[in-house]
Amino acid sequence: MPATRRCVVGVAIAIPLLVAGCRHKDSNTTIAGASFVARDTTTPLGPGDIRIANSDSSVELALIGDSLVTGFGPRVLREINEKTDTSKVDGNGLAAGIEKLVKGTVANAMSHELKFSLRDISDVKYDGDRLLFYGKDGKQMKLFENTEVDHKKVSQTYSANDARRFVAAFKAKKSRIG
């Protein structure tokens, strides 16, 4: 199987696993209200909103309105767009049609993000090493604990400055919405 097709198949398998991770049995807390929504890059950030990317821009984390939103960052989205570009498919036969269908489906799925209501999150902390999220039951959530970037948990790949700004923005929003 060509490398491009292996990548597309791998990405197609990865997204359901990411969604399933929201309700993983090993997690201390699951968030039943998490939703998988289309990414909307046209909406500007409002007052009190914040969007941060981890150190290699592979994962973004945002507070938008009364929601916490996370998904692939700009670098990964660029790579996905390059590898799923249907205009680069050669031919017009059955195989080319299937390749276009698969690439289009994968590109659409990858342009989604996970969205959580802030009402389901009681606190966010930065412990000097990683971002920690707590459910409304007070138990630590494992939002990024099963995903790694360069052998580090994603929660450890945000700059200290960005993590502190994110925590401050969360606390300010939480004080307004409860």
C-alpha atoms as a PDB file:
ATOM      1  CA  MET A   1       0.000   0.000   0.000  1.00  0.00           C
ATOM      2  CA  PRO A   2       1.470   3.421  -0.930  1.00  0.00           C
ATOM      3  CA  ALA A   3       2.536   5.708   1.933  1.00  0.00           C
ATOM      4  CA  THR A   4      -0.233   8.247   1.196  1.00  0.00           C
ATOM      5  CA  ARG A   5      -2.937   5.609   1.391  1.00  0.00           C
ATOM      6  CA  ARG A   6      -1.444   4.188   4.624  1.00  0.00           C
ATOM      7  CA  CYS A   7      -1.518   7.703   6.107  1.00  0.00           C
ATOM      8  CA  VAL A   8      -5.129   8.255   5.042  1.00  0.00           C
ATOM      9  CA  VAL A   9      -6.163   4.880   6.485  1.00  0.00           C
ATOM     10  CA  GLY A  10      -4.241   5.624   9.703  1.00  0.00           C
ATOM     11  CA  VAL A  11      -5.902   9.004  10.085  1.00  0.00           C
ATOM     12  CA  ALA A  12      -9.322   7.485   9.356  1.00  0.00           C
ATOM     13  CA  ILE A  13      -8.763   5.009  12.171  1.00  0.00           C
ATOM     14  CA  ALA A  14      -7.367   7.648  14.562  1.00  0.00           C
ATOM     15  CA  ILE A  15     -10.384   9.964  14.734  1.00  0.00           C
ATOM     16  CA  PRO A  16     -12.857   7.406  16.154  1.00  0.00           C
ATOM     17  CA  LEU A  17     -10.211   6.474  18.714  1.00  0.00           C
ATOM     18  CA  LEU A  18      -9.843  10.126  19.702  1.00  0.00           C
ATOM     19  CA  VAL A  19     -13.589  10.400  20.190  1.00  0.00           C
ATOM     20  CA  ALA A  20     -13.694   7.112  22.090  1.00  0.00           C
ATOM     21  CA  GLY A  21     -10.958   8.472  24.362  1.00  0.00           C
ATOM     22  CA  CYS A  22     -13.480  10.867  25.868  1.00  0.00           C
ATOM     23  CA  ARG A  23     -15.150   7.887  27.529  1.00  0.00           C
ATOM     24  CA  HIS A  24     -12.131   5.625  28.081  1.00  0.00           C
ATOM     25  CA  LYS A  25     -12.609   3.157  30.966  1.00  0.00           C
ATOM     26  CA  ASP A  26      -9.232   4.082  32.478  1.00  0.00           C
ATOM     27  CA  SER A  27     -10.107   7.764  32.754  1.00  0.00           C
ATOM     28  CA  ASN A  28     -10.849   9.082  36.220  1.00  0.00           C
ATOM     29  CA  THR A  29     -13.653  11.219  34.851  1.00  0.00           C
ATOM     30  CA  THR A  30     -15.527  11.090  31.580  1.00  0.00           C
ATOM     31  CA  ILE A  31     -17.575  13.898  30.158  1.00  0.00           C
ATOM     32  CA  ALA A  32     -20.771  12.544  28.689  1.00  0.00           C
ATOM     33  CA  GLY A  33     -21.647  15.916  27.165  1.00  0.00           C
ATOM     34  CA  ALA A  34     -18.572  16.100  24.917  1.00  0.00           C
ATOM     35  CA  SER A  35     -19.475  16.598  21.285  1.00  0.00           C
ATOM     36  CA  PHE A  36     -17.581  16.181  18.029  1.00  0.00           C
ATOM     37  CA  VAL A  37     -18.266  19.356  16.036  1.00  0.00           C
ATOM     38  CA  ALA A  38     -17.100  20.903  12.777  1.00  0.00           C
ATOM     39  CA  ARG A  39     -14.146  23.220  13.261  1.00  0.00           C
ATOM     40  CA  ASP A  40     -15.124  26.857  12.753  1.00  0.00           C
ATOM     41  CA  THR A  41     -12.072  28.969  12.042  1.00  0.00           C
ATOM     42  CA  THR A  42     -14.107  31.961  10.875  1.00  0.00           C
ATOM     43  CA  THR A  43     -15.501  32.849  14.299  1.00  0.00           C
ATOM     44  CA  PRO A  44     -13.291  35.465  15.945  1.00  0.00           C
ATOM     45  CA  LEU A  45     -12.387  35.062  19.592  1.00  0.00           C
ATOM     46  CA  GLY A  46     -14.636  37.118  21.845  1.00  0.00           C
ATOM     47  CA  PRO A  47     -13.869  38.883  25.120  1.00  0.00           C
ATOM     48  CA  GLY A  48     -12.306  36.402  27.548  1.00  0.00           C
ATOM     49  CA  ASP A  49     -11.783  33.749  24.855  1.00  0.00           C
ATOM     50  CA  ILE A  50      -8.342  32.231  24.317  1.00  0.00           C
ATOM     51  CA  ARG A  51      -6.761  29.771  21.882  1.00  0.00           C
ATOM     52  CA  ILE A  52      -3.354  28.208  22.514  1.00  0.00           C
ATOM     53  CA  ALA A  53      -1.340  25.657  20.565  1.00  0.00           C
ATOM     54  CA  ASN A  54       1.148  23.215  22.010  1.00  0.00           C
ATOM     55  CA  SER A  55       4.883  23.488  21.305  1.00  0.00           C
ATOM     56  CA  ASP A  56       4.775  21.872  17.850  1.00  0.00           C
ATOM     57  CA  SER A  57       1.346  23.235  16.831  1.00  0.00           C
ATOM     58  CA  SER A  58      -0.119  19.732  16.599  1.00  0.00           C
ATOM     59  CA  VAL A  59      -2.919  20.303  19.143  1.00  0.00           C
ATOM     60  CA  GLU A  60      -4.965  23.405  19.959  1.00  0.00           C
ATOM     61  CA  LEU A  61      -6.891  24.122  23.108  1.00  0.00           C
ATOM     62  CA  ALA A  62      -9.410  26.952  23.328  1.00  0.00           C
ATOM     63  CA  LEU A  63     -11.984  28.565  25.548  1.00  0.00           C
ATOM     64  CA  ILE A  64     -14.700  29.948  23.321  1.00  0.00           C
ATOM     65  CA  GLY A  65     -17.863  31.289  24.887  1.00  0.00           C
ATOM     66  CA  ASP A  66     -18.986  28.730  27.474  1.00  0.00           C
ATOM     67  CA  SER A  67     -17.026  25.847  25.921  1.00  0.00           C
ATOM     68  CA  LEU A  68     -13.604  24.241  26.035  1.00  0.00           C
ATOM     69  CA  VAL A  69     -12.628  23.140  22.537  1.00  0.00           C
ATOM     70  CA  THR A  70      -9.688  21.002  21.449  1.00  0.00           C
ATOM     71  CA  GLY A  71      -8.546  19.574  18.162  1.00  0.00           C
ATOM     72  CA  PHE A  72      -5.691  19.280  15.752  1.00  0.00           C
ATOM     73  CA  GLY A  73      -3.465  22.339  15.477  1.00  0.00           C
ATOM     74  CA  PRO A  74      -2.465  24.229  12.333  1.00  0.00           C
ATOM     75  CA  ARG A  75       0.563  22.059  11.524  1.00  0.00           C
ATOM     76  CA  VAL A  76      -1.396  18.796  11.583  1.00  0.00           C
ATOM     77  CA  LEU A  77      -4.331  20.314   9.690  1.00  0.00           C
ATOM     78  CA  ARG A  78      -1.927  21.501   6.972  1.00  0.00           C
ATOM     79  CA  GLU A  79      -0.450  17.996   6.696  1.00  0.00           C
ATOM     80  CA  ILE A  80      -3.909  16.423   6.553  1.00  0.00           C
ATOM     81  CA  ASN A  81      -5.003  18.862   3.841  1.00  0.00           C
ATOM     82  CA  GLU A  82      -1.892  18.098   1.780  1.00  0.00           C
ATOM     83  CA  LYS A  83      -2.332  14.322   2.082  1.00  0.00           C
ATOM     84  CA  THR A  84      -6.077  14.342   1.436  1.00  0.00           C
ATOM     85  CA  ASP A  85      -6.068  16.796  -1.493  1.00  0.00           C
ATOM     86  CA  THR A  86      -8.391  15.134  -3.998  1.00  0.00           C
ATOM     87  CA  SER A  87      -7.137  17.327  -6.860  1.00  0.00           C
ATOM     88  CA  LYS A  88      -3.893  15.320  -6.759  1.00  0.00           C
ATOM     89  CA  VAL A  89      -5.654  12.014  -7.460  1.00  0.00           C
ATOM     90  CA  ASP A  90      -4.693  10.652 -10.881  1.00  0.00           C
ATOM     91  CA  GLY A  91      -7.202   8.980 -13.138  1.00  0.00           C
ATOM     92  CA  ASN A  92     -10.960   8.832 -13.273  1.00  0.00           C
ATOM     93  CA  GLY A  93     -11.694   5.124 -12.877  1.00  0.00           C
ATOM     94  CA  LEU A  94     -13.114   3.196  -9.954  1.00  0.00           C
ATOM     95  CA  ALA A  95      -9.864   3.255  -7.939  1.00  0.00           C
ATOM     96  CA  ALA A  96      -9.518   7.032  -8.372  1.00  0.00           C
ATOM     97  CA  GLY A  97     -13.161   7.497  -7.369  1.00  0.00           C
ATOM     98  CA  ILE A  98     -12.669   5.432  -4.215  1.00  0.00           C
ATOM     99  CA  GLU A  99      -9.463   7.299  -3.367  1.00  0.00           C
ATOM    100  CA  LYS A 100     -11.255  10.652  -3.742  1.00  0.00           C
ATOM    101  CA  LEU A 101     -14.156   9.444  -1.599  1.00  0.00           C
ATOM    102  CA  VAL A 102     -11.856   8.191   1.167  1.00  0.00           C
ATOM    103  CA  LYS A 103      -9.665  11.303   1.127  1.00  0.00           C
ATOM    104  CA  GLY A 104     -12.702  13.604   1.179  1.00  0.00           C
ATOM    105  CA  THR A 105     -14.267  11.686   4.063  1.00  0.00           C
ATOM    106  CA  VAL A 106     -11.033  11.716   6.069  1.00  0.00           C
ATOM    107  CA  ALA A 107     -10.467  15.436   5.423  1.00  0.00           C
ATOM    108  CA  ASN A 108     -13.997  16.194   6.614  1.00  0.00           C
ATOM    109  CA  ALA A 109     -13.615  14.097   9.787  1.00  0.00           C
ATOM    110  CA  MET A 110     -10.235  15.641  10.599  1.00  0.00           C
ATOM    111  CA  SER A 111     -11.653  19.159  10.367  1.00  0.00           C
ATOM    112  CA  HIS A 112     -13.693  18.520  13.517  1.00  0.00           C
ATOM    113  CA  GLU A 113     -12.878  19.145  17.161  1.00  0.00           C
ATOM    114  CA  LEU A 114     -14.050  18.042  20.582  1.00  0.00           C
ATOM    115  CA  LYS A 115     -16.227  20.510  22.456  1.00  0.00           C
ATOM    116  CA  PHE A 116     -16.949  20.388  26.201  1.00  0.00           C
ATOM    117  CA  SER A 117     -19.296  22.561  28.211  1.00  0.00           C
ATOM    118  CA  LEU A 118     -17.465  24.565  30.881  1.00  0.00           C
ATOM    119  CA  ARG A 119     -20.290  23.579  33.241  1.00  0.00           C
ATOM    120  CA  ASP A 120     -18.877  20.022  33.157  1.00  0.00           C
ATOM    121  CA  ILE A 121     -15.381  21.171  34.148  1.00  0.00           C
ATOM    122  CA  SER A 122     -14.833  22.386  37.708  1.00  0.00           C
ATOM    123  CA  ASP A 123     -11.229  23.552  37.436  1.00  0.00           C
ATOM    124  CA  VAL A 124      -8.107  23.794  35.297  1.00  0.00           C
ATOM    125  CA  LYS A 125      -4.680  24.051  36.909  1.00  0.00           C
ATOM    126  CA  TYR A 126      -1.097  24.315  35.756  1.00  0.00           C
ATOM    127  CA  ASP A 127       1.304  22.486  38.064  1.00  0.00           C
ATOM    128  CA  GLY A 128       4.496  23.878  36.516  1.00  0.00           C
ATOM    129  CA  ASP A 129       4.740  20.891  34.174  1.00  0.00           C
ATOM    130  CA  ARG A 130       1.309  20.228  32.672  1.00  0.00           C
ATOM    131  CA  LEU A 131      -2.281  21.376  32.426  1.00  0.00           C
ATOM    132  CA  LEU A 132      -4.664  19.491  34.711  1.00  0.00           C
ATOM    133  CA  PHE A 133      -8.423  19.363  34.162  1.00  0.00           C
ATOM    134  CA  TYR A 134     -11.033  18.474  36.785  1.00  0.00           C
ATOM    135  CA  GLY A 135     -14.599  17.323  36.190  1.00  0.00           C
ATOM    136  CA  LYS A 136     -17.587  18.725  38.023  1.00  0.00           C
ATOM    137  CA  ASP A 137     -17.249  15.769  40.431  1.00  0.00           C
ATOM    138  CA  GLY A 138     -13.832  17.173  41.446  1.00  0.00           C
ATOM    139  CA  LYS A 139     -11.897  14.205  40.023  1.00  0.00           C
ATOM    140  CA  GLN A 140      -9.005  14.755  37.663  1.00  0.00           C
ATOM    141  CA  MET A 141      -9.938  14.245  34.041  1.00  0.00           C
ATOM    142  CA  LYS A 142      -7.522  12.584  31.651  1.00  0.00           C
ATOM    143  CA  LEU A 143      -8.202  14.880  28.736  1.00  0.00           C
ATOM    144  CA  PHE A 144      -4.749  14.524  27.123  1.00  0.00           C
ATOM    145  CA  GLU A 145      -3.251  11.695  29.150  1.00  0.00           C
ATOM    146  CA  ASN A 146      -3.486   9.056  26.411  1.00  0.00           C
ATOM    147  CA  THR A 147      -1.940  11.192  23.645  1.00  0.00           C
ATOM    148  CA  GLU A 148       1.763  11.967  23.291  1.00  0.00           C
ATOM    149  CA  VAL A 149       3.919  14.372  21.292  1.00  0.00           C
ATOM    150  CA  ASP A 150       7.647  13.602  21.231  1.00  0.00           C
ATOM    151  CA  HIS A 151       7.280  11.110  24.119  1.00  0.00           C
ATOM    152  CA  LYS A 152       5.480  13.625  26.358  1.00  0.00           C
ATOM    153  CA  LYS A 153       1.802  13.757  27.228  1.00  0.00           C
ATOM    154  CA  VAL A 154       0.079  16.521  25.247  1.00  0.00           C
ATOM    155  CA  SER A 155      -0.826  18.214  28.562  1.00  0.00           C
ATOM    156  CA  GLN A 156       2.934  18.748  29.064  1.00  0.00           C
ATOM    157  CA  THR A 157       3.602  20.322  25.659  1.00  0.00           C
ATOM    158  CA  TYR A 158       2.117  23.793  26.201  1.00  0.00           C
ATOM    159  CA  SER A 159       4.440  26.632  27.125  1.00  0.00           C
ATOM    160  CA  ALA A 160       4.288  27.714  30.778  1.00  0.00           C
ATOM    161  CA  ASN A 161       3.155  31.196  29.725  1.00  0.00           C
ATOM    162  CA  ASP A 162       0.328  29.859  27.516  1.00  0.00           C
ATOM    163  CA  ALA A 163      -0.742  27.371  30.182  1.00  0.00           C
ATOM    164  CA  ARG A 164      -0.934  30.114  32.835  1.00  0.00           C
ATOM    165  CA  ARG A 165      -2.900  32.411  30.500  1.00  0.00           C
ATOM    166  CA  PHE A 166      -5.291  29.553  29.726  1.00  0.00           C
ATOM    167  CA  VAL A 167      -5.842  28.808  33.431  1.00  0.00           C
ATOM    168  CA  ALA A 168      -6.483  32.502  34.172  1.00  0.00           C
ATOM    169  CA  ALA A 169      -8.976  32.730  31.284  1.00  0.00           C
ATOM    170  CA  PHE A 170     -10.725  29.553  32.484  1.00  0.00           C
ATOM    171  CA  LYS A 171     -11.049  30.860  36.047  1.00  0.00           C
ATOM    172  CA  ALA A 172     -12.426  34.201  34.815  1.00  0.00           C
ATOM    173  CA  LYS A 173     -15.011  32.485  32.595  1.00  0.00           C
ATOM    174  CA  LYS A 174     -15.929  29.994  35.303  1.00  0.00           C
ATOM    175  CA  SER A 175     -16.554  32.804  37.806  1.00  0.00           C
ATOM    176  CA  ARG A 176     -19.055  34.341  35.369  1.00  0.00           C
ATOM    177  CA  ILE A 177     -20.922  31.204  34.300  1.00  0.00           C
ATOM    178  CA  GLY A 178     -20.649  29.019  37.392  1.00  0.00           C
END
